[in-house]
Amino acid sequence: MNKLIKYLKETKVELRHVNWPTRNQAFNYTAIVIGLSILVGIYLGVFDALFSYLIMKLI
């Protein structure tokens, strides 16, 4: 039990050293991740459709 309490206290101290992003930065980073995820999804979807079409033509 003492190890758990010590761990939690040390964790609390370490969290004070974290450089947390501002609300605006968090919003911007989230928007970038969502935007890139959509672009990668479109990119992969196009190639999937292209390869599916080509395979269907070969078969």
N, C-alpha and C. Protein backbone atom coordinates (compact mmCIF):
# COMPACT_ATOMS: atom_id res chain seq x y z
N MET A 1 0.83 -1.20 0.00
CA MET A 1 0.00 0.00 0.00
C MET A 1 0.87 1.26 0.00
N ASN A 2 1.99 1.20 0.72
CA ASN A 2 2.88 2.37 0.77
C ASN A 2 3.47 2.69 -0.59
N LYS A 3 3.74 1.63 -1.39
CA LYS A 3 4.29 1.86 -2.72
C LYS A 3 3.28 2.59 -3.61
N LEU A 4 2.01 2.24 -3.46
CA LEU A 4 0.97 2.90 -4.25
C LEU A 4 0.86 4.37 -3.88
N ILE A 5 0.87 4.66 -2.60
CA ILE A 5 0.78 6.06 -2.15
C ILE A 5 2.00 6.84 -2.63
N LYS A 6 3.17 6.25 -2.53
CA LYS A 6 4.39 6.91 -2.99
C LYS A 6 4.32 7.17 -4.50
N TYR A 7 3.84 6.18 -5.25
CA TYR A 7 3.71 6.33 -6.70
C TYR A 7 2.76 7.48 -7.04
N LEU A 8 1.62 7.54 -6.36
CA LEU A 8 0.65 8.60 -6.64
C LEU A 8 1.20 9.97 -6.30
N LYS A 9 1.94 10.08 -5.22
CA LYS A 9 2.54 11.37 -4.85
C LYS A 9 3.59 11.79 -5.88
N GLU A 10 4.42 10.84 -6.32
CA GLU A 10 5.43 11.16 -7.32
C GLU A 10 4.79 11.53 -8.66
N THR A 11 3.71 10.86 -8.98
CA THR A 11 2.99 11.18 -10.22
C THR A 11 2.44 12.59 -10.17
N LYS A 12 1.89 12.98 -9.04
CA LYS A 12 1.35 14.33 -8.87
C LYS A 12 2.45 15.38 -9.04
N VAL A 13 3.63 15.11 -8.49
CA VAL A 13 4.75 16.04 -8.63
C VAL A 13 5.18 16.13 -10.09
N GLU A 14 5.25 15.00 -10.77
CA GLU A 14 5.67 15.00 -12.18
C GLU A 14 4.66 15.74 -13.06
N LEU A 15 3.39 15.62 -12.76
CA LEU A 15 2.36 16.29 -13.57
C LEU A 15 2.47 17.81 -13.47
N ARG A 16 3.07 18.31 -12.42
CA ARG A 16 3.27 19.76 -12.31
C ARG A 16 4.32 20.25 -13.31
N HIS A 17 5.20 19.35 -13.75
CA HIS A 17 6.25 19.72 -14.69
C HIS A 17 5.80 19.63 -16.15
N VAL A 18 4.62 19.13 -16.39
CA VAL A 18 4.12 18.96 -17.74
C VAL A 18 3.75 20.32 -18.32
N ASN A 19 4.16 20.55 -19.56
CA ASN A 19 3.81 21.78 -20.26
C ASN A 19 2.51 21.52 -21.02
N TRP A 20 1.37 21.84 -20.39
CA TRP A 20 0.07 21.55 -20.96
C TRP A 20 -0.25 22.54 -22.07
N PRO A 21 -0.87 22.08 -23.17
CA PRO A 21 -1.24 23.00 -24.25
C PRO A 21 -2.40 23.90 -23.82
N THR A 22 -2.46 25.06 -24.43
CA THR A 22 -3.58 25.95 -24.16
C THR A 22 -4.82 25.39 -24.84
N ARG A 23 -5.96 25.96 -24.52
CA ARG A 23 -7.21 25.50 -25.13
C ARG A 23 -7.16 25.68 -26.65
N ASN A 24 -6.60 26.80 -27.10
CA ASN A 24 -6.51 27.08 -28.53
C ASN A 24 -5.57 26.07 -29.22
N GLN A 25 -4.43 25.78 -28.59
CA GLN A 25 -3.51 24.81 -29.16
C GLN A 25 -4.15 23.43 -29.24
N ALA A 26 -4.84 23.02 -28.19
CA ALA A 26 -5.50 21.71 -28.18
C ALA A 26 -6.55 21.64 -29.29
N PHE A 27 -7.30 22.71 -29.48
CA PHE A 27 -8.30 22.76 -30.55
C PHE A 27 -7.63 22.63 -31.92
N ASN A 28 -6.54 23.39 -32.12
CA ASN A 28 -5.84 23.36 -33.41
C ASN A 28 -5.23 21.98 -33.68
N TYR A 29 -4.60 21.39 -32.69
CA TYR A 29 -4.00 20.06 -32.87
C TYR A 29 -5.08 19.02 -33.16
N THR A 30 -6.20 19.13 -32.49
CA THR A 30 -7.30 18.20 -32.73
C THR A 30 -7.83 18.35 -34.16
N ALA A 31 -7.97 19.59 -34.61
CA ALA A 31 -8.45 19.84 -35.97
C ALA A 31 -7.46 19.28 -37.00
N ILE A 32 -6.16 19.41 -36.74
CA ILE A 32 -5.15 18.88 -37.65
C ILE A 32 -5.25 17.36 -37.71
N VAL A 33 -5.39 16.71 -36.57
CA VAL A 33 -5.48 15.25 -36.54
C VAL A 33 -6.74 14.77 -37.27
N ILE A 34 -7.86 15.43 -37.04
CA ILE A 34 -9.10 15.04 -37.72
C ILE A 34 -8.97 15.26 -39.23
N GLY A 35 -8.41 16.40 -39.62
CA GLY A 35 -8.24 16.70 -41.04
C GLY A 35 -7.33 15.70 -41.74
N LEU A 36 -6.20 15.38 -41.11
CA LEU A 36 -5.28 14.41 -41.71
C LEU A 36 -5.91 13.02 -41.75
N SER A 37 -6.68 12.68 -40.74
CA SER A 37 -7.35 11.37 -40.74
C SER A 37 -8.34 11.27 -41.90
N ILE A 38 -9.06 12.34 -42.15
CA ILE A 38 -10.00 12.35 -43.27
C ILE A 38 -9.25 12.23 -44.60
N LEU A 39 -8.15 12.98 -44.73
CA LEU A 39 -7.37 12.92 -45.98
C LEU A 39 -6.79 11.52 -46.21
N VAL A 40 -6.27 10.91 -45.18
CA VAL A 40 -5.72 9.55 -45.32
C VAL A 40 -6.83 8.58 -45.66
N GLY A 41 -7.99 8.74 -45.05
CA GLY A 41 -9.12 7.88 -45.36
C GLY A 41 -9.54 8.00 -46.81
N ILE A 42 -9.58 9.21 -47.32
CA ILE A 42 -9.93 9.43 -48.73
C ILE A 42 -8.86 8.82 -49.63
N TYR A 43 -7.61 9.06 -49.31
CA TYR A 43 -6.49 8.52 -50.08
C TYR A 43 -6.56 7.00 -50.15
N LEU A 44 -6.74 6.36 -49.00
CA LEU A 44 -6.82 4.89 -48.99
C LEU A 44 -8.09 4.39 -49.68
N GLY A 45 -9.18 5.12 -49.54
CA GLY A 45 -10.43 4.73 -50.19
C GLY A 45 -10.32 4.77 -51.70
N VAL A 46 -9.64 5.79 -52.22
CA VAL A 46 -9.45 5.91 -53.67
C VAL A 46 -8.62 4.75 -54.19
N PHE A 47 -7.52 4.45 -53.51
CA PHE A 47 -6.69 3.34 -53.97
C PHE A 47 -7.40 2.00 -53.80
N ASP A 48 -8.17 1.84 -52.77
CA ASP A 48 -8.94 0.61 -52.60
C ASP A 48 -9.94 0.44 -53.74
N ALA A 49 -10.64 1.51 -54.06
CA ALA A 49 -11.61 1.44 -55.15
C ALA A 49 -10.90 1.17 -56.48
N LEU A 50 -9.77 1.81 -56.70
CA LEU A 50 -9.01 1.60 -57.93
C LEU A 50 -8.54 0.15 -58.05
N PHE A 51 -7.94 -0.36 -56.99
CA PHE A 51 -7.46 -1.74 -57.04
C PHE A 51 -8.61 -2.73 -57.14
N SER A 52 -9.70 -2.46 -56.50
CA SER A 52 -10.87 -3.34 -56.61
C SER A 52 -11.38 -3.36 -58.05
N TYR A 53 -11.42 -2.20 -58.66
CA TYR A 53 -11.86 -2.11 -60.05
C TYR A 53 -10.91 -2.88 -60.96
N LEU A 54 -9.61 -2.70 -60.76
CA LEU A 54 -8.63 -3.40 -61.59
C LEU A 54 -8.69 -4.91 -61.41
N ILE A 55 -8.89 -5.38 -60.20
CA ILE A 55 -8.98 -6.81 -59.94
C ILE A 55 -10.24 -7.37 -60.58
N MET A 56 -11.35 -6.63 -60.50
CA MET A 56 -12.59 -7.09 -61.12
C MET A 56 -12.45 -7.18 -62.64
N LYS A 57 -11.67 -6.27 -63.23
CA LYS A 57 -11.44 -6.31 -64.68
C LYS A 57 -10.57 -7.51 -65.06
N LEU A 58 -9.63 -7.88 -64.19
CA LEU A 58 -8.77 -9.02 -64.45
C LEU A 58 -9.51 -10.34 -64.29
N ILE A 59 -10.45 -10.37 -63.42
CA ILE A 59 -11.21 -11.61 -63.17
C ILE A 59 -12.31 -11.69 -64.17
